[in-house]
Amino acid sequence: MRVKICGIRDLKTALAAIEAGADALGFVFAEKSPRRISPDAAREISLSLPPFIARVGVFVDVPAAVVLQIADFCRLDVLQLHGGEPPDYCRSLPFKVVKAFRVRDGHSLRGANDYPADAVLLDAFVPGLAGGTGESFNWELVVKAGLKKPVILAGGLSPANVRQAVAAVRPYAVDVSSGVETDGKKDLEKIRLFIQRAKEVL
Protein backbone atom coordinates (compact mmCIF):
# COMPACT_ATOMS: atom_id res chain seq x y z
CA MET A 1 0.00 0.00 0.00
CA ARG A 2 1.36 3.35 -1.05
CA VAL A 3 0.83 6.41 1.13
CA LYS A 4 0.95 10.09 0.19
CA ILE A 5 1.17 12.75 2.88
CA CYS A 6 -0.21 15.96 1.40
CA GLY A 7 0.08 19.57 2.45
CA ILE A 8 3.79 19.41 3.28
CA ARG A 9 5.16 22.84 4.19
CA ASP A 10 8.49 22.23 5.95
CA LEU A 11 11.48 19.92 5.64
CA LYS A 12 11.22 18.49 9.18
CA THR A 13 7.73 17.15 8.50
CA ALA A 14 8.75 15.89 5.06
CA LEU A 15 11.69 13.90 6.42
CA ALA A 16 9.66 12.55 9.34
CA ALA A 17 6.96 11.34 6.94
CA ILE A 18 9.57 9.60 4.81
CA GLU A 19 11.14 8.01 7.87
CA ALA A 20 7.68 6.72 8.82
CA GLY A 21 7.30 5.10 5.40
CA ALA A 22 5.59 7.67 3.16
CA ASP A 23 5.95 6.96 -0.56
CA ALA A 24 4.94 10.41 -1.80
CA LEU A 25 4.72 13.97 -0.50
CA GLY A 26 2.25 16.56 -1.75
CA PHE A 27 2.89 20.27 -2.20
CA VAL A 28 -0.28 22.34 -2.51
CA PHE A 29 -0.04 25.31 -4.88
CA ALA A 30 -3.77 26.13 -4.84
CA GLU A 31 -4.17 29.79 -3.85
CA LYS A 32 -7.19 29.30 -1.59
CA SER A 33 -5.76 26.38 0.40
CA PRO A 34 -4.61 26.92 4.00
CA ARG A 35 -1.80 24.47 3.16
CA ARG A 36 -0.53 26.47 0.22
CA ILE A 37 3.23 26.56 -0.21
CA SER A 38 5.30 28.90 -2.35
CA PRO A 39 7.33 27.45 -5.23
CA ASP A 40 10.53 28.68 -3.54
CA ALA A 41 9.74 26.81 -0.31
CA ALA A 42 8.62 23.68 -2.17
CA ARG A 43 11.81 23.67 -4.24
CA GLU A 44 13.97 23.91 -1.12
CA ILE A 45 12.22 20.90 0.42
CA SER A 46 12.15 18.94 -2.84
CA LEU A 47 15.88 19.29 -3.43
CA SER A 48 16.55 18.00 0.10
CA LEU A 49 14.57 14.79 -0.27
CA PRO A 50 16.12 11.35 -0.86
CA PRO A 51 15.62 9.51 -4.16
CA PHE A 52 12.61 7.28 -4.80
CA ILE A 53 10.21 9.64 -3.01
CA ALA A 54 7.54 11.00 -5.35
CA ARG A 55 7.14 14.77 -5.28
CA VAL A 56 3.55 15.67 -6.14
CA GLY A 57 2.28 19.15 -7.02
CA VAL A 58 -1.38 19.88 -6.35
CA PHE A 59 -3.04 22.45 -8.63
CA VAL A 60 -6.55 23.82 -9.15
CA ASP A 61 -7.37 25.31 -12.57
CA VAL A 62 -3.94 26.83 -13.16
CA PRO A 63 -2.81 27.64 -16.73
CA ALA A 64 -0.73 24.76 -18.06
CA ALA A 65 2.27 27.00 -18.73
CA VAL A 66 2.35 28.05 -15.07
CA VAL A 67 1.99 24.44 -13.89
CA LEU A 68 4.92 23.36 -16.06
CA GLN A 69 7.06 26.24 -14.85
CA ILE A 70 6.43 25.35 -11.20
CA ALA A 71 6.87 21.62 -11.86
CA ASP A 72 10.26 22.17 -13.44
CA PHE A 73 11.39 24.66 -10.79
CA CYS A 74 10.34 22.41 -7.88
CA ARG A 75 11.52 19.17 -9.51
CA LEU A 76 8.07 17.60 -9.30
CA ASP A 77 7.42 14.03 -10.44
CA VAL A 78 3.61 13.97 -10.54
CA LEU A 79 0.90 16.58 -11.15
CA GLN A 80 -2.36 16.27 -9.22
CA LEU A 81 -5.28 18.23 -10.69
CA HIS A 82 -8.23 19.20 -8.49
CA GLY A 83 -10.17 21.60 -10.68
CA GLY A 84 -12.23 21.39 -13.82
CA GLU A 85 -9.27 20.69 -16.08
CA PRO A 86 -10.50 19.21 -19.39
CA PRO A 87 -8.98 16.09 -20.98
CA ASP A 88 -6.98 18.07 -23.56
CA TYR A 89 -5.34 20.05 -20.77
CA CYS A 90 -4.28 16.81 -19.12
CA ARG A 91 -2.93 15.37 -22.36
CA SER A 92 -0.73 18.44 -22.83
CA LEU A 93 1.23 17.84 -19.63
CA PRO A 94 4.45 15.82 -20.06
CA PHE A 95 4.18 14.38 -16.54
CA LYS A 96 2.42 11.60 -14.73
CA VAL A 97 -1.02 13.03 -13.91
CA VAL A 98 -3.49 12.26 -11.15
CA LYS A 99 -7.00 13.66 -11.67
CA ALA A 100 -9.20 14.23 -8.65
CA PHE A 101 -12.90 13.40 -8.73
CA ARG A 102 -15.17 14.64 -5.95
CA VAL A 103 -17.58 11.84 -5.09
CA ARG A 104 -21.16 12.72 -4.19
CA ASP A 105 -22.99 9.72 -5.66
CA GLY A 106 -22.54 6.98 -8.25
CA HIS A 107 -22.79 9.50 -11.11
CA SER A 108 -19.69 11.32 -9.81
CA LEU A 109 -17.41 8.61 -11.21
CA ARG A 110 -18.77 8.62 -14.75
CA GLY A 111 -15.93 9.40 -17.10
CA ALA A 112 -13.21 8.54 -14.60
CA ASN A 113 -12.06 5.50 -16.58
CA ASP A 114 -11.88 7.49 -19.81
CA TYR A 115 -10.11 10.54 -18.44
CA PRO A 116 -6.53 10.69 -19.78
CA ALA A 117 -4.81 10.44 -16.39
CA ASP A 118 -2.43 7.87 -14.92
CA ALA A 119 -4.57 7.52 -11.79
CA VAL A 120 -7.72 8.97 -10.26
CA LEU A 121 -7.93 10.43 -6.78
CA LEU A 122 -11.32 10.15 -5.12
CA ASP A 123 -12.26 12.80 -2.57
CA ALA A 124 -15.49 13.82 -0.91
CA PHE A 125 -17.78 16.32 -2.62
CA VAL A 126 -18.14 19.50 -0.58
CA PRO A 127 -19.84 22.45 -2.34
CA GLY A 128 -17.42 25.23 -3.19
CA LEU A 129 -14.29 23.37 -2.14
CA ALA A 130 -11.83 21.57 -4.41
CA GLY A 131 -10.52 19.16 -1.78
CA GLY A 132 -8.70 18.88 1.51
CA THR A 133 -11.95 19.17 3.46
CA GLY A 134 -11.48 16.27 5.84
CA GLU A 135 -14.88 14.90 4.83
CA SER A 136 -15.32 11.24 3.92
CA PHE A 137 -17.72 9.61 1.45
CA ASN A 138 -19.37 6.26 0.89
CA TRP A 139 -16.50 3.93 -0.08
CA GLU A 140 -18.99 1.40 -1.42
CA LEU A 141 -19.46 3.70 -4.41
CA VAL A 142 -15.85 3.04 -5.41
CA VAL A 143 -16.24 -0.70 -5.10
CA LYS A 144 -19.42 -0.66 -7.24
CA ALA A 145 -17.85 1.58 -9.89
CA GLY A 146 -15.23 -1.01 -10.84
CA LEU A 147 -12.69 1.57 -11.94
CA LYS A 148 -9.91 0.28 -14.17
CA LYS A 149 -7.44 3.06 -13.43
CA PRO A 150 -5.34 3.04 -10.25
CA VAL A 151 -7.42 4.55 -7.45
CA ILE A 152 -5.97 6.88 -4.84
CA LEU A 153 -8.41 7.09 -1.96
CA ALA A 154 -8.69 10.38 -0.07
CA GLY A 155 -11.31 12.29 1.86
CA GLY A 156 -11.67 12.11 5.62
CA LEU A 157 -9.00 9.46 6.14
CA SER A 158 -7.23 9.35 9.49
CA PRO A 159 -5.33 6.89 11.68
CA ALA A 160 -8.72 5.87 13.09
CA ASN A 161 -10.27 4.69 9.81
CA VAL A 162 -7.51 4.14 7.24
CA ARG A 163 -7.22 0.42 8.01
CA GLN A 164 -10.96 -0.01 7.37
CA ALA A 165 -10.79 2.10 4.21
CA VAL A 166 -7.92 0.11 2.71
CA ALA A 167 -9.62 -3.20 3.52
CA ALA A 168 -12.90 -2.04 1.94
CA VAL A 169 -11.61 -0.40 -1.25
CA ARG A 170 -8.19 -1.98 -1.85
CA PRO A 171 -6.93 1.19 -3.55
CA TYR A 172 -3.59 1.69 -5.25
CA ALA A 173 -2.77 4.32 -2.64
CA VAL A 174 -4.21 6.50 0.11
CA ASP A 175 -3.79 10.25 0.44
CA VAL A 176 -4.12 12.23 3.67
CA SER A 177 -3.72 15.82 4.79
CA SER A 178 -6.04 17.14 7.51
CA GLY A 179 -6.42 13.66 9.00
CA VAL A 180 -2.84 13.78 10.27
CA GLU A 181 -3.03 17.31 11.65
CA THR A 182 -3.62 18.78 15.09
CA ASP A 183 -4.81 22.38 15.26
CA GLY A 184 -4.06 22.84 11.56
CA LYS A 185 -0.47 21.60 11.73
CA LYS A 186 0.99 18.27 10.74
CA ASP A 187 1.23 15.91 13.73
CA LEU A 188 4.22 13.57 13.39
CA GLU A 189 2.70 10.89 15.62
CA LYS A 190 -0.52 10.87 13.60
CA ILE A 191 1.53 10.59 10.41
CA ARG A 192 3.41 7.61 11.84
CA LEU A 193 0.22 5.88 12.95
CA PHE A 194 -1.56 6.56 9.65
CA ILE A 195 1.23 5.06 7.56
CA GLN A 196 1.63 2.08 9.87
CA ARG A 197 -2.06 1.24 9.81
CA ALA A 198 -2.44 1.78 6.06
CA LYS A 199 0.42 -0.56 5.27
CA GLU A 200 -0.45 -3.33 7.73
CA VAL A 201 -3.64 -4.39 5.92
CA LEU A 202 -3.02 -7.70 4.14
C-alpha atoms as a PDB file:
ATOM      1  CA  MET A   1       0.000   0.000   0.000  1.00  0.00           C
ATOM      2  CA  ARG A   2       1.357   3.353  -1.050  1.00  0.00           C
ATOM      3  CA  VAL A   3       0.830   6.409   1.130  1.00  0.00           C
ATOM      4  CA  LYS A   4       0.950  10.094   0.193  1.00  0.00           C
ATOM      5  CA  ILE A   5       1.165  12.749   2.881  1.00  0.00           C
ATOM      6  CA  CYS A   6      -0.206  15.958   1.401  1.00  0.00           C
ATOM      7  CA  GLY A   7       0.084  19.570   2.452  1.00  0.00           C
ATOM      8  CA  ILE A   8       3.791  19.409   3.285  1.00  0.00           C
ATOM      9  CA  ARG A   9       5.162  22.840   4.192  1.00  0.00           C
ATOM     10  CA  ASP A  10       8.487  22.228   5.949  1.00  0.00           C
ATOM     11  CA  LEU A  11      11.477  19.917   5.643  1.00  0.00           C
ATOM     12  CA  LYS A  12      11.216  18.492   9.176  1.00  0.00           C
ATOM     13  CA  THR A  13       7.732  17.146   8.501  1.00  0.00           C
ATOM     14  CA  ALA A  14       8.755  15.890   5.064  1.00  0.00           C
ATOM     15  CA  LEU A  15      11.692  13.900   6.418  1.00  0.00           C
ATOM     16  CA  ALA A  16       9.660  12.547   9.343  1.00  0.00           C
ATOM     17  CA  ALA A  17       6.959  11.341   6.943  1.00  0.00           C
ATOM     18  CA  ILE A  18       9.571   9.601   4.807  1.00  0.00           C
ATOM     19  CA  GLU A  19      11.144   8.011   7.875  1.00  0.00           C
ATOM     20  CA  ALA A  20       7.681   6.715   8.819  1.00  0.00           C
ATOM     21  CA  GLY A  21       7.302   5.101   5.397  1.00  0.00           C
ATOM     22  CA  ALA A  22       5.590   7.666   3.159  1.00  0.00           C
ATOM     23  CA  ASP A  23       5.947   6.960  -0.560  1.00  0.00           C
ATOM     24  CA  ALA A  24       4.940  10.411  -1.803  1.00  0.00           C
ATOM     25  CA  LEU A  25       4.718  13.967  -0.505  1.00  0.00           C
ATOM     26  CA  GLY A  26       2.252  16.555  -1.750  1.00  0.00           C
ATOM     27  CA  PHE A  27       2.891  20.273  -2.197  1.00  0.00           C
ATOM     28  CA  VAL A  28      -0.276  22.340  -2.510  1.00  0.00           C
ATOM     29  CA  PHE A  29      -0.045  25.307  -4.876  1.00  0.00           C
ATOM     30  CA  ALA A  30      -3.771  26.133  -4.840  1.00  0.00           C
ATOM     31  CA  GLU A  31      -4.172  29.788  -3.850  1.00  0.00           C
ATOM     32  CA  LYS A  32      -7.192  29.298  -1.587  1.00  0.00           C
ATOM     33  CA  SER A  33      -5.758  26.381   0.404  1.00  0.00           C
ATOM     34  CA  PRO A  34      -4.605  26.924   3.996  1.00  0.00           C
ATOM     35  CA  ARG A  35      -1.798  24.475   3.163  1.00  0.00           C
ATOM     36  CA  ARG A  36      -0.525  26.470   0.215  1.00  0.00           C
ATOM     37  CA  ILE A  37       3.232  26.559  -0.209  1.00  0.00           C
ATOM     38  CA  SER A  38       5.302  28.903  -2.350  1.00  0.00           C
ATOM     39  CA  PRO A  39       7.334  27.452  -5.229  1.00  0.00           C
ATOM     40  CA  ASP A  40      10.528  28.678  -3.542  1.00  0.00           C
ATOM     41  CA  ALA A  41       9.743  26.815  -0.311  1.00  0.00           C
ATOM     42  CA  ALA A  42       8.621  23.679  -2.169  1.00  0.00           C
ATOM     43  CA  ARG A  43      11.806  23.670  -4.238  1.00  0.00           C
ATOM     44  CA  GLU A  44      13.969  23.913  -1.118  1.00  0.00           C
ATOM     45  CA  ILE A  45      12.218  20.901   0.420  1.00  0.00           C
ATOM     46  CA  SER A  46      12.155  18.944  -2.835  1.00  0.00           C
ATOM     47  CA  LEU A  47      15.878  19.287  -3.425  1.00  0.00           C
ATOM     48  CA  SER A  48      16.552  18.000   0.100  1.00  0.00           C
ATOM     49  CA  LEU A  49      14.572  14.788  -0.268  1.00  0.00           C
ATOM     50  CA  PRO A  50      16.118  11.354  -0.857  1.00  0.00           C
ATOM     51  CA  PRO A  51      15.617   9.507  -4.158  1.00  0.00           C
ATOM     52  CA  PHE A  52      12.610   7.279  -4.804  1.00  0.00           C
ATOM     53  CA  ILE A  53      10.208   9.644  -3.014  1.00  0.00           C
ATOM     54  CA  ALA A  54       7.539  11.001  -5.353  1.00  0.00           C
ATOM     55  CA  ARG A  55       7.139  14.772  -5.285  1.00  0.00           C
ATOM     56  CA  VAL A  56       3.545  15.673  -6.143  1.00  0.00           C
ATOM     57  CA  GLY A  57       2.285  19.150  -7.024  1.00  0.00           C
ATOM     58  CA  VAL A  58      -1.384  19.882  -6.347  1.00  0.00           C
ATOM     59  CA  PHE A  59      -3.039  22.447  -8.635  1.00  0.00           C
ATOM     60  CA  VAL A  60      -6.553  23.816  -9.152  1.00  0.00           C
ATOM     61  CA  ASP A  61      -7.367  25.311 -12.571  1.00  0.00           C
ATOM     62  CA  VAL A  62      -3.941  26.830 -13.157  1.00  0.00           C
ATOM     63  CA  PRO A  63      -2.809  27.639 -16.729  1.00  0.00           C
ATOM     64  CA  ALA A  64      -0.728  24.764 -18.063  1.00  0.00           C
ATOM     65  CA  ALA A  65       2.269  27.005 -18.732  1.00  0.00           C
ATOM     66  CA  VAL A  66       2.351  28.045 -15.072  1.00  0.00           C
ATOM     67  CA  VAL A  67       1.988  24.439 -13.893  1.00  0.00           C
ATOM     68  CA  LEU A  68       4.916  23.363 -16.060  1.00  0.00           C
ATOM     69  CA  GLN A  69       7.058  26.240 -14.851  1.00  0.00           C
ATOM     70  CA  ILE A  70       6.428  25.346 -11.200  1.00  0.00           C
ATOM     71  CA  ALA A  71       6.868  21.620 -11.861  1.00  0.00           C
ATOM     72  CA  ASP A  72      10.264  22.165 -13.437  1.00  0.00           C
ATOM     73  CA  PHE A  73      11.392  24.656 -10.786  1.00  0.00           C
ATOM     74  CA  CYS A  74      10.336  22.414  -7.881  1.00  0.00           C
ATOM     75  CA  ARG A  75      11.519  19.167  -9.508  1.00  0.00           C
ATOM     76  CA  LEU A  76       8.073  17.596  -9.301  1.00  0.00           C
ATOM     77  CA  ASP A  77       7.423  14.034 -10.441  1.00  0.00           C
ATOM     78  CA  VAL A  78       3.612  13.974 -10.541  1.00  0.00           C
ATOM     79  CA  LEU A  79       0.897  16.585 -11.150  1.00  0.00           C
ATOM     80  CA  GLN A  80      -2.364  16.272  -9.216  1.00  0.00           C
ATOM     81  CA  LEU A  81      -5.277  18.230 -10.687  1.00  0.00           C
ATOM     82  CA  HIS A  82      -8.233  19.203  -8.487  1.00  0.00           C
ATOM     83  CA  GLY A  83     -10.175  21.605 -10.683  1.00  0.00           C
ATOM     84  CA  GLY A  84     -12.235  21.390 -13.823  1.00  0.00           C
ATOM     85  CA  GLU A  85      -9.273  20.686 -16.082  1.00  0.00           C
ATOM     86  CA  PRO A  86     -10.504  19.210 -19.394  1.00  0.00           C
ATOM     87  CA  PRO A  87      -8.979  16.087 -20.984  1.00  0.00           C
ATOM     88  CA  ASP A  88      -6.976  18.066 -23.564  1.00  0.00           C
ATOM     89  CA  TYR A  89      -5.344  20.049 -20.768  1.00  0.00           C
ATOM     90  CA  CYS A  90      -4.285  16.814 -19.115  1.00  0.00           C
ATOM     91  CA  ARG A  91      -2.931  15.370 -22.360  1.00  0.00           C
ATOM     92  CA  SER A  92      -0.730  18.437 -22.830  1.00  0.00           C
ATOM     93  CA  LEU A  93       1.228  17.844 -19.627  1.00  0.00           C
ATOM     94  CA  PRO A  94       4.451  15.817 -20.062  1.00  0.00           C
ATOM     95  CA  PHE A  95       4.180  14.384 -16.537  1.00  0.00           C
ATOM     96  CA  LYS A  96       2.415  11.601 -14.726  1.00  0.00           C
ATOM     97  CA  VAL A  97      -1.020  13.029 -13.914  1.00  0.00           C
ATOM     98  CA  VAL A  98      -3.492  12.256 -11.145  1.00  0.00           C
ATOM     99  CA  LYS A  99      -6.997  13.657 -11.670  1.00  0.00           C
ATOM    100  CA  ALA A 100      -9.200  14.231  -8.655  1.00  0.00           C
ATOM    101  CA  PHE A 101     -12.904  13.401  -8.732  1.00  0.00           C
ATOM    102  CA  ARG A 102     -15.175  14.640  -5.952  1.00  0.00           C
ATOM    103  CA  VAL A 103     -17.583  11.837  -5.086  1.00  0.00           C
ATOM    104  CA  ARG A 104     -21.162  12.717  -4.185  1.00  0.00           C
ATOM    105  CA  ASP A 105     -22.990   9.719  -5.665  1.00  0.00           C
ATOM    106  CA  GLY A 106     -22.544   6.977  -8.250  1.00  0.00           C
ATOM    107  CA  HIS A 107     -22.793   9.496 -11.105  1.00  0.00           C
ATOM    108  CA  SER A 108     -19.686  11.316  -9.812  1.00  0.00           C
ATOM    109  CA  LEU A 109     -17.410   8.613 -11.207  1.00  0.00           C
ATOM    110  CA  ARG A 110     -18.770   8.620 -14.749  1.00  0.00           C
ATOM    111  CA  GLY A 111     -15.935   9.402 -17.096  1.00  0.00           C
ATOM    112  CA  ALA A 112     -13.210   8.540 -14.602  1.00  0.00           C
ATOM    113  CA  ASN A 113     -12.058   5.504 -16.578  1.00  0.00           C
ATOM    114  CA  ASP A 114     -11.877   7.489 -19.809  1.00  0.00           C
ATOM    115  CA  TYR A 115     -10.115  10.536 -18.439  1.00  0.00           C
ATOM    116  CA  PRO A 116      -6.525  10.688 -19.778  1.00  0.00           C
ATOM    117  CA  ALA A 117      -4.807  10.435 -16.391  1.00  0.00           C
ATOM    118  CA  ASP A 118      -2.430   7.870 -14.922  1.00  0.00           C
ATOM    119  CA  ALA A 119      -4.570   7.524 -11.788  1.00  0.00           C
ATOM    120  CA  VAL A 120      -7.722   8.968 -10.264  1.00  0.00           C
ATOM    121  CA  LEU A 121      -7.932  10.431  -6.783  1.00  0.00           C
ATOM    122  CA  LEU A 122     -11.322  10.149  -5.124  1.00  0.00           C
ATOM    123  CA  ASP A 123     -12.255  12.798  -2.573  1.00  0.00           C
ATOM    124  CA  ALA A 124     -15.488  13.822  -0.907  1.00  0.00           C
ATOM    125  CA  PHE A 125     -17.784  16.321  -2.618  1.00  0.00           C
ATOM    126  CA  VAL A 126     -18.145  19.501  -0.579  1.00  0.00           C
ATOM    127  CA  PRO A 127     -19.843  22.453  -2.345  1.00  0.00           C
ATOM    128  CA  GLY A 128     -17.421  25.233  -3.192  1.00  0.00           C
ATOM    129  CA  LEU A 129     -14.292  23.373  -2.138  1.00  0.00           C
ATOM    130  CA  ALA A 130     -11.826  21.568  -4.413  1.00  0.00           C
ATOM    131  CA  GLY A 131     -10.522  19.157  -1.781  1.00  0.00           C
ATOM    132  CA  GLY A 132      -8.701  18.875   1.508  1.00  0.00           C
ATOM    133  CA  THR A 133     -11.952  19.171   3.456  1.00  0.00           C
ATOM    134  CA  GLY A 134     -11.476  16.268   5.844  1.00  0.00           C
ATOM    135  CA  GLU A 135     -14.878  14.897   4.829  1.00  0.00           C
ATOM    136  CA  SER A 136     -15.323  11.241   3.915  1.00  0.00           C
ATOM    137  CA  PHE A 137     -17.721   9.613   1.452  1.00  0.00           C
ATOM    138  CA  ASN A 138     -19.372   6.255   0.886  1.00  0.00           C
ATOM    139  CA  TRP A 139     -16.496   3.926  -0.078  1.00  0.00           C
ATOM    140  CA  GLU A 140     -18.988   1.395  -1.417  1.00  0.00           C
ATOM    141  CA  LEU A 141     -19.464   3.699  -4.413  1.00  0.00           C
ATOM    142  CA  VAL A 142     -15.847   3.045  -5.405  1.00  0.00           C
ATOM    143  CA  VAL A 143     -16.242  -0.698  -5.103  1.00  0.00           C
ATOM    144  CA  LYS A 144     -19.416  -0.664  -7.236  1.00  0.00           C
ATOM    145  CA  ALA A 145     -17.846   1.581  -9.890  1.00  0.00           C
ATOM    146  CA  GLY A 146     -15.227  -1.005 -10.840  1.00  0.00           C
ATOM    147  CA  LEU A 147     -12.695   1.572 -11.943  1.00  0.00           C
ATOM    148  CA  LYS A 148      -9.914   0.282 -14.174  1.00  0.00           C
ATOM    149  CA  LYS A 149      -7.435   3.061 -13.426  1.00  0.00           C
ATOM    150  CA  PRO A 150      -5.339   3.043 -10.252  1.00  0.00           C
ATOM    151  CA  VAL A 151      -7.416   4.545  -7.449  1.00  0.00           C
ATOM    152  CA  ILE A 152      -5.965   6.884  -4.841  1.00  0.00           C
ATOM    153  CA  LEU A 153      -8.406   7.090  -1.957  1.00  0.00           C
ATOM    154  CA  ALA A 154      -8.692  10.378  -0.070  1.00  0.00           C
ATOM    155  CA  GLY A 155     -11.310  12.292   1.864  1.00  0.00           C
ATOM    156  CA  GLY A 156     -11.670  12.107   5.622  1.00  0.00           C
ATOM    157  CA  LEU A 157      -9.001   9.459   6.135  1.00  0.00           C
ATOM    158  CA  SER A 158      -7.226   9.355   9.492  1.00  0.00           C
ATOM    159  CA  PRO A 159      -5.332   6.891  11.675  1.00  0.00           C
ATOM    160  CA  ALA A 160      -8.721   5.872  13.090  1.00  0.00           C
ATOM    161  CA  ASN A 161     -10.267   4.688   9.806  1.00  0.00           C
ATOM    162  CA  VAL A 162      -7.514   4.138   7.235  1.00  0.00           C
ATOM    163  CA  ARG A 163      -7.220   0.419   8.008  1.00  0.00           C
ATOM    164  CA  GLN A 164     -10.963  -0.012   7.366  1.00  0.00           C
ATOM    165  CA  ALA A 165     -10.787   2.104   4.207  1.00  0.00           C
ATOM    166  CA  VAL A 166      -7.919   0.106   2.713  1.00  0.00           C
ATOM    167  CA  ALA A 167      -9.625  -3.197   3.519  1.00  0.00           C
ATOM    168  CA  ALA A 168     -12.899  -2.042   1.943  1.00  0.00           C
ATOM    169  CA  VAL A 169     -11.614  -0.400  -1.248  1.00  0.00           C
ATOM    170  CA  ARG A 170      -8.189  -1.979  -1.853  1.00  0.00           C
ATOM    171  CA  PRO A 171      -6.932   1.189  -3.549  1.00  0.00           C
ATOM    172  CA  TYR A 172      -3.594   1.693  -5.250  1.00  0.00           C
ATOM    173  CA  ALA A 173      -2.765   4.319  -2.636  1.00  0.00           C
ATOM    174  CA  VAL A 174      -4.209   6.498   0.111  1.00  0.00           C
ATOM    175  CA  ASP A 175      -3.791  10.249   0.439  1.00  0.00           C
ATOM    176  CA  VAL A 176      -4.122  12.228   3.665  1.00  0.00           C
ATOM    177  CA  SER A 177      -3.719  15.817   4.785  1.00  0.00           C
ATOM    178  CA  SER A 178      -6.038  17.139   7.505  1.00  0.00           C
ATOM    179  CA  GLY A 179      -6.423  13.659   8.997  1.00  0.00           C
ATOM    180  CA  VAL A 180      -2.843  13.784  10.270  1.00  0.00           C
ATOM    181  CA  GLU A 181      -3.031  17.314  11.647  1.00  0.00           C
ATOM    182  CA  THR A 182      -3.621  18.775  15.087  1.00  0.00           C
ATOM    183  CA  ASP A 183      -4.809  22.379  15.261  1.00  0.00           C
ATOM    184  CA  GLY A 184      -4.062  22.843  11.563  1.00  0.00           C
ATOM    185  CA  LYS A 185      -0.475  21.603  11.729  1.00  0.00           C
ATOM    186  CA  LYS A 186       0.989  18.268  10.744  1.00  0.00           C
ATOM    187  CA  ASP A 187       1.233  15.911  13.732  1.00  0.00           C
ATOM    188  CA  LEU A 188       4.216  13.574  13.394  1.00  0.00           C
ATOM    189  CA  GLU A 189       2.700  10.893  15.622  1.00  0.00           C
ATOM    190  CA  LYS A 190      -0.519  10.872  13.600  1.00  0.00           C
ATOM    191  CA  ILE A 191       1.532  10.589  10.405  1.00  0.00           C
ATOM    192  CA  ARG A 192       3.414   7.614  11.838  1.00  0.00           C
ATOM    193  CA  LEU A 193       0.218   5.875  12.945  1.00  0.00           C
ATOM    194  CA  PHE A 194      -1.557   6.559   9.651  1.00  0.00           C
ATOM    195  CA  ILE A 195       1.228   5.059   7.557  1.00  0.00           C
ATOM    196  CA  GLN A 196       1.634   2.081   9.869  1.00  0.00           C
ATOM    197  CA  ARG A 197      -2.065   1.244   9.811  1.00  0.00           C
ATOM    198  CA  ALA A 198      -2.439   1.785   6.064  1.00  0.00           C
ATOM    199  CA  LYS A 199       0.418  -0.565   5.272  1.00  0.00           C
ATOM    200  CA  GLU A 200      -0.450  -3.331   7.725  1.00  0.00           C
ATOM    201  CA  VAL A 201      -3.636  -4.393   5.924  1.00  0.00           C
ATOM    202  CA  LEU A 202      -3.024  -7.697   4.144  1.00  0.00           C
END
